[in-house]
Amino acid sequence: MNLLIIRLIIFAVLFYVGLKLYGLYRQRKLDHQVQSNKINRHEGGEMVRCRWCEVHVPEQEALRDQEQWFCSSAHRDRFLQEQQNKDSTP
């Protein structure tokens, strides 16, 4: 009977230590995923070239109009205005 209680206590201690180690492993894994997500967020994605000034900007920040990329709405408007002027002059 005495030996059974000692074995039960040892099993309980080992089970507790195992749970603690598993919790530490999961926490470390989650911290690593959060850190890698922060790094990926700063990458910005693919770079595209502004049709007007030819500056490269991240695709997420660029404006798209008729399969062409622009860094700002002002450059888009200037480019479209220039295209209209070319089309209207003979």
N, C-alpha and C. Protein backbone atom coordinates (compact mmCIF):
# COMPACT_ATOMS: atom_id res chain seq x y z
N MET A 1 0.82 -1.19 0.00
CA MET A 1 0.00 0.00 0.00
C MET A 1 0.86 1.26 0.00
N ASN A 2 1.91 1.25 0.81
CA ASN A 2 2.83 2.37 0.90
C ASN A 2 3.52 2.61 -0.44
N LEU A 3 3.92 1.55 -1.12
CA LEU A 3 4.60 1.64 -2.41
C LEU A 3 3.66 2.19 -3.47
N LEU A 4 2.39 1.85 -3.40
CA LEU A 4 1.39 2.34 -4.35
C LEU A 4 1.21 3.85 -4.24
N ILE A 5 1.20 4.37 -3.04
CA ILE A 5 1.05 5.81 -2.82
C ILE A 5 2.28 6.55 -3.34
N ILE A 6 3.47 6.00 -3.11
CA ILE A 6 4.70 6.63 -3.59
C ILE A 6 4.70 6.67 -5.11
N ARG A 7 4.30 5.58 -5.76
CA ARG A 7 4.23 5.55 -7.22
C ARG A 7 3.21 6.56 -7.74
N LEU A 8 2.09 6.68 -7.07
CA LEU A 8 1.06 7.63 -7.46
C LEU A 8 1.57 9.06 -7.34
N ILE A 9 2.29 9.36 -6.28
CA ILE A 9 2.86 10.70 -6.09
C ILE A 9 3.89 10.99 -7.17
N ILE A 10 4.75 10.03 -7.46
CA ILE A 10 5.77 10.21 -8.50
C ILE A 10 5.09 10.44 -9.86
N PHE A 11 4.06 9.66 -10.16
CA PHE A 11 3.33 9.83 -11.42
C PHE A 11 2.70 11.22 -11.49
N ALA A 12 2.10 11.67 -10.40
CA ALA A 12 1.47 12.99 -10.38
C ALA A 12 2.49 14.10 -10.60
N VAL A 13 3.66 13.97 -9.96
CA VAL A 13 4.72 14.97 -10.12
C VAL A 13 5.21 14.99 -11.57
N LEU A 14 5.45 13.81 -12.15
CA LEU A 14 5.89 13.74 -13.54
C LEU A 14 4.84 14.31 -14.50
N PHE A 15 3.58 14.03 -14.24
CA PHE A 15 2.49 14.56 -15.05
C PHE A 15 2.45 16.09 -14.96
N TYR A 16 2.60 16.63 -13.77
CA TYR A 16 2.61 18.07 -13.56
C TYR A 16 3.78 18.73 -14.29
N VAL A 17 4.96 18.14 -14.17
CA VAL A 17 6.15 18.69 -14.85
C VAL A 17 5.95 18.62 -16.37
N GLY A 18 5.38 17.54 -16.86
CA GLY A 18 5.10 17.42 -18.29
C GLY A 18 4.14 18.49 -18.78
N LEU A 19 3.10 18.75 -18.02
CA LEU A 19 2.16 19.81 -18.39
C LEU A 19 2.82 21.18 -18.41
N LYS A 20 3.68 21.44 -17.43
CA LYS A 20 4.38 22.73 -17.39
C LYS A 20 5.31 22.88 -18.59
N LEU A 21 6.04 21.83 -18.94
CA LEU A 21 6.94 21.88 -20.10
C LEU A 21 6.15 22.08 -21.40
N TYR A 22 5.02 21.40 -21.52
CA TYR A 22 4.18 21.57 -22.70
C TYR A 22 3.66 23.01 -22.79
N GLY A 23 3.27 23.58 -21.67
CA GLY A 23 2.80 24.97 -21.66
C GLY A 23 3.89 25.93 -22.09
N LEU A 24 5.11 25.72 -21.60
CA LEU A 24 6.23 26.56 -22.01
C LEU A 24 6.51 26.42 -23.50
N TYR A 25 6.43 25.21 -24.02
CA TYR A 25 6.65 24.96 -25.44
C TYR A 25 5.61 25.71 -26.29
N ARG A 26 4.35 25.61 -25.89
CA ARG A 26 3.29 26.28 -26.66
C ARG A 26 3.44 27.81 -26.60
N GLN A 27 3.80 28.33 -25.43
CA GLN A 27 3.98 29.77 -25.29
C GLN A 27 5.13 30.26 -26.16
N ARG A 28 6.21 29.52 -26.18
CA ARG A 28 7.37 29.89 -27.00
C ARG A 28 7.01 29.84 -28.48
N LYS A 29 6.23 28.83 -28.87
CA LYS A 29 5.81 28.69 -30.26
C LYS A 29 4.91 29.86 -30.66
N LEU A 30 3.97 30.25 -29.80
CA LEU A 30 3.10 31.38 -30.09
C LEU A 30 3.87 32.69 -30.18
N ASP A 31 4.84 32.89 -29.28
CA ASP A 31 5.68 34.09 -29.32
C ASP A 31 6.45 34.16 -30.63
N HIS A 32 6.96 33.02 -31.09
CA HIS A 32 7.70 32.98 -32.34
C HIS A 32 6.80 33.33 -33.53
N GLN A 33 5.56 32.82 -33.52
CA GLN A 33 4.62 33.13 -34.60
C GLN A 33 4.26 34.61 -34.62
N VAL A 34 4.05 35.19 -33.46
CA VAL A 34 3.72 36.62 -33.38
C VAL A 34 4.88 37.44 -33.90
N GLN A 35 6.10 37.07 -33.53
CA GLN A 35 7.27 37.81 -33.98
C GLN A 35 7.45 37.69 -35.49
N SER A 36 7.24 36.51 -36.05
CA SER A 36 7.37 36.35 -37.50
C SER A 36 6.27 37.08 -38.24
N ASN A 37 5.07 37.18 -37.67
CA ASN A 37 3.99 37.95 -38.29
C ASN A 37 4.32 39.44 -38.32
N LYS A 38 4.97 39.94 -37.27
CA LYS A 38 5.38 41.35 -37.25
C LYS A 38 6.40 41.62 -38.34
N ILE A 39 7.33 40.71 -38.53
CA ILE A 39 8.35 40.87 -39.56
C ILE A 39 7.69 40.86 -40.93
N ASN A 40 6.77 39.93 -41.18
CA ASN A 40 6.10 39.85 -42.47
C ASN A 40 5.25 41.08 -42.75
N ARG A 41 4.69 41.66 -41.73
CA ARG A 41 3.84 42.82 -41.91
C ARG A 41 4.65 44.02 -42.39
N HIS A 42 5.91 44.12 -41.97
CA HIS A 42 6.75 45.25 -42.35
C HIS A 42 7.34 45.10 -43.74
N GLU A 43 7.27 43.91 -44.34
CA GLU A 43 7.86 43.73 -45.65
C GLU A 43 7.13 44.53 -46.71
N GLY A 44 5.82 44.66 -46.61
CA GLY A 44 5.07 45.50 -47.52
C GLY A 44 4.66 44.84 -48.81
N GLY A 45 5.14 43.68 -49.11
CA GLY A 45 4.73 42.98 -50.32
C GLY A 45 5.54 43.36 -51.54
N GLU A 46 4.95 43.11 -52.69
CA GLU A 46 5.62 43.35 -53.96
C GLU A 46 5.71 44.84 -54.26
N MET A 47 6.80 45.24 -54.91
CA MET A 47 7.00 46.63 -55.27
C MET A 47 6.53 46.86 -56.70
N VAL A 48 5.90 48.01 -56.94
CA VAL A 48 5.45 48.40 -58.28
C VAL A 48 5.99 49.79 -58.58
N ARG A 49 6.08 50.11 -59.86
CA ARG A 49 6.66 51.39 -60.28
C ARG A 49 5.55 52.36 -60.67
N CYS A 50 5.65 53.57 -60.15
CA CYS A 50 4.71 54.63 -60.51
C CYS A 50 4.90 54.97 -61.99
N ARG A 51 3.82 55.04 -62.73
CA ARG A 51 3.89 55.31 -64.17
C ARG A 51 4.35 56.73 -64.45
N TRP A 52 4.09 57.65 -63.53
CA TRP A 52 4.43 59.06 -63.76
C TRP A 52 5.88 59.37 -63.36
N CYS A 53 6.25 59.06 -62.13
CA CYS A 53 7.58 59.44 -61.64
C CYS A 53 8.57 58.28 -61.58
N GLU A 54 8.11 57.08 -61.84
CA GLU A 54 8.92 55.86 -61.87
C GLU A 54 9.57 55.51 -60.52
N VAL A 55 8.95 55.95 -59.45
CA VAL A 55 9.40 55.59 -58.11
C VAL A 55 8.73 54.27 -57.72
N HIS A 56 9.48 53.38 -57.08
CA HIS A 56 8.92 52.11 -56.64
C HIS A 56 8.24 52.29 -55.28
N VAL A 57 7.03 51.77 -55.18
CA VAL A 57 6.26 51.82 -53.93
C VAL A 57 5.67 50.43 -53.67
N PRO A 58 5.39 50.10 -52.41
CA PRO A 58 4.74 48.81 -52.13
C PRO A 58 3.36 48.74 -52.81
N GLU A 59 3.04 47.58 -53.31
CA GLU A 59 1.78 47.39 -54.02
C GLU A 59 0.58 47.74 -53.15
N GLN A 60 0.67 47.49 -51.86
CA GLN A 60 -0.44 47.78 -50.95
C GLN A 60 -0.70 49.27 -50.81
N GLU A 61 0.32 50.10 -51.03
CA GLU A 61 0.17 51.54 -50.88
C GLU A 61 -0.08 52.25 -52.21
N ALA A 62 0.12 51.54 -53.33
CA ALA A 62 0.01 52.15 -54.65
C ALA A 62 -1.45 52.20 -55.10
N LEU A 63 -1.71 53.09 -56.05
CA LEU A 63 -3.03 53.20 -56.67
C LEU A 63 -2.95 52.57 -58.06
N ARG A 64 -4.02 51.86 -58.43
CA ARG A 64 -4.04 51.18 -59.72
C ARG A 64 -5.16 51.75 -60.57
N ASP A 65 -4.81 52.04 -61.83
CA ASP A 65 -5.81 52.54 -62.76
C ASP A 65 -5.49 51.98 -64.15
N GLN A 66 -6.38 51.17 -64.68
CA GLN A 66 -6.25 50.60 -66.01
C GLN A 66 -4.91 49.90 -66.21
N GLU A 67 -4.62 48.95 -65.34
CA GLU A 67 -3.39 48.14 -65.41
C GLU A 67 -2.10 48.95 -65.22
N GLN A 68 -2.20 50.17 -64.69
CA GLN A 68 -1.03 51.00 -64.44
C GLN A 68 -1.02 51.40 -62.98
N TRP A 69 0.18 51.53 -62.41
CA TRP A 69 0.35 51.83 -61.00
C TRP A 69 0.82 53.26 -60.81
N PHE A 70 0.35 53.87 -59.71
CA PHE A 70 0.73 55.24 -59.38
C PHE A 70 1.01 55.34 -57.89
N CYS A 71 1.95 56.24 -57.52
CA CYS A 71 2.30 56.39 -56.10
C CYS A 71 1.32 57.30 -55.37
N SER A 72 0.60 58.16 -56.11
CA SER A 72 -0.36 59.06 -55.47
C SER A 72 -1.47 59.40 -56.46
N SER A 73 -2.53 59.95 -55.95
CA SER A 73 -3.64 60.33 -56.82
C SER A 73 -3.26 61.52 -57.71
N ALA A 74 -2.37 62.38 -57.22
CA ALA A 74 -1.93 63.52 -58.03
C ALA A 74 -1.18 63.03 -59.27
N HIS A 75 -0.32 62.05 -59.10
CA HIS A 75 0.42 61.53 -60.25
C HIS A 75 -0.51 60.79 -61.21
N ARG A 76 -1.49 60.10 -60.67
CA ARG A 76 -2.47 59.44 -61.53
C ARG A 76 -3.23 60.46 -62.36
N ASP A 77 -3.66 61.54 -61.72
CA ASP A 77 -4.42 62.57 -62.42
C ASP A 77 -3.56 63.25 -63.49
N ARG A 78 -2.31 63.54 -63.17
CA ARG A 78 -1.41 64.19 -64.14
C ARG A 78 -1.17 63.28 -65.35
N PHE A 79 -0.98 62.00 -65.08
CA PHE A 79 -0.75 61.07 -66.17
C PHE A 79 -1.97 60.96 -67.06
N LEU A 80 -3.16 60.83 -66.48
CA LEU A 80 -4.38 60.72 -67.26
C LEU A 80 -4.65 62.01 -68.04
N GLN A 81 -4.35 63.15 -67.43
CA GLN A 81 -4.53 64.42 -68.13
C GLN A 81 -3.57 64.51 -69.32
N GLU A 82 -2.36 64.07 -69.13
CA GLU A 82 -1.38 64.07 -70.22
C GLU A 82 -1.83 63.15 -71.35
N GLN A 83 -2.39 62.00 -71.00
CA GLN A 83 -2.88 61.07 -72.01
C GLN A 83 -4.06 61.68 -72.78
N GLN A 84 -4.93 62.39 -72.09
CA GLN A 84 -6.06 63.05 -72.78
C GLN A 84 -5.57 64.13 -73.73
N ASN A 85 -4.54 64.88 -73.31
CA ASN A 85 -4.00 65.93 -74.16
C ASN A 85 -3.36 65.33 -75.41
N LYS A 86 -2.68 64.20 -75.27
CA LYS A 86 -2.07 63.53 -76.43
C LYS A 86 -3.14 63.01 -77.38
N ASP A 87 -4.22 62.48 -76.83
CA ASP A 87 -5.29 61.93 -77.66
C ASP A 87 -6.09 63.01 -78.37
N SER A 88 -6.22 64.19 -77.77
CA SER A 88 -7.04 65.25 -78.35
C SER A 88 -6.28 66.04 -79.41
N THR A 89 -4.96 66.08 -79.38
CA THR A 89 -4.19 66.82 -80.38
C THR A 89 -3.96 65.93 -81.60
N PRO A 90 -4.16 66.51 -82.80
CA PRO A 90 -3.97 65.69 -84.02
C PRO A 90 -2.55 65.49 -84.38
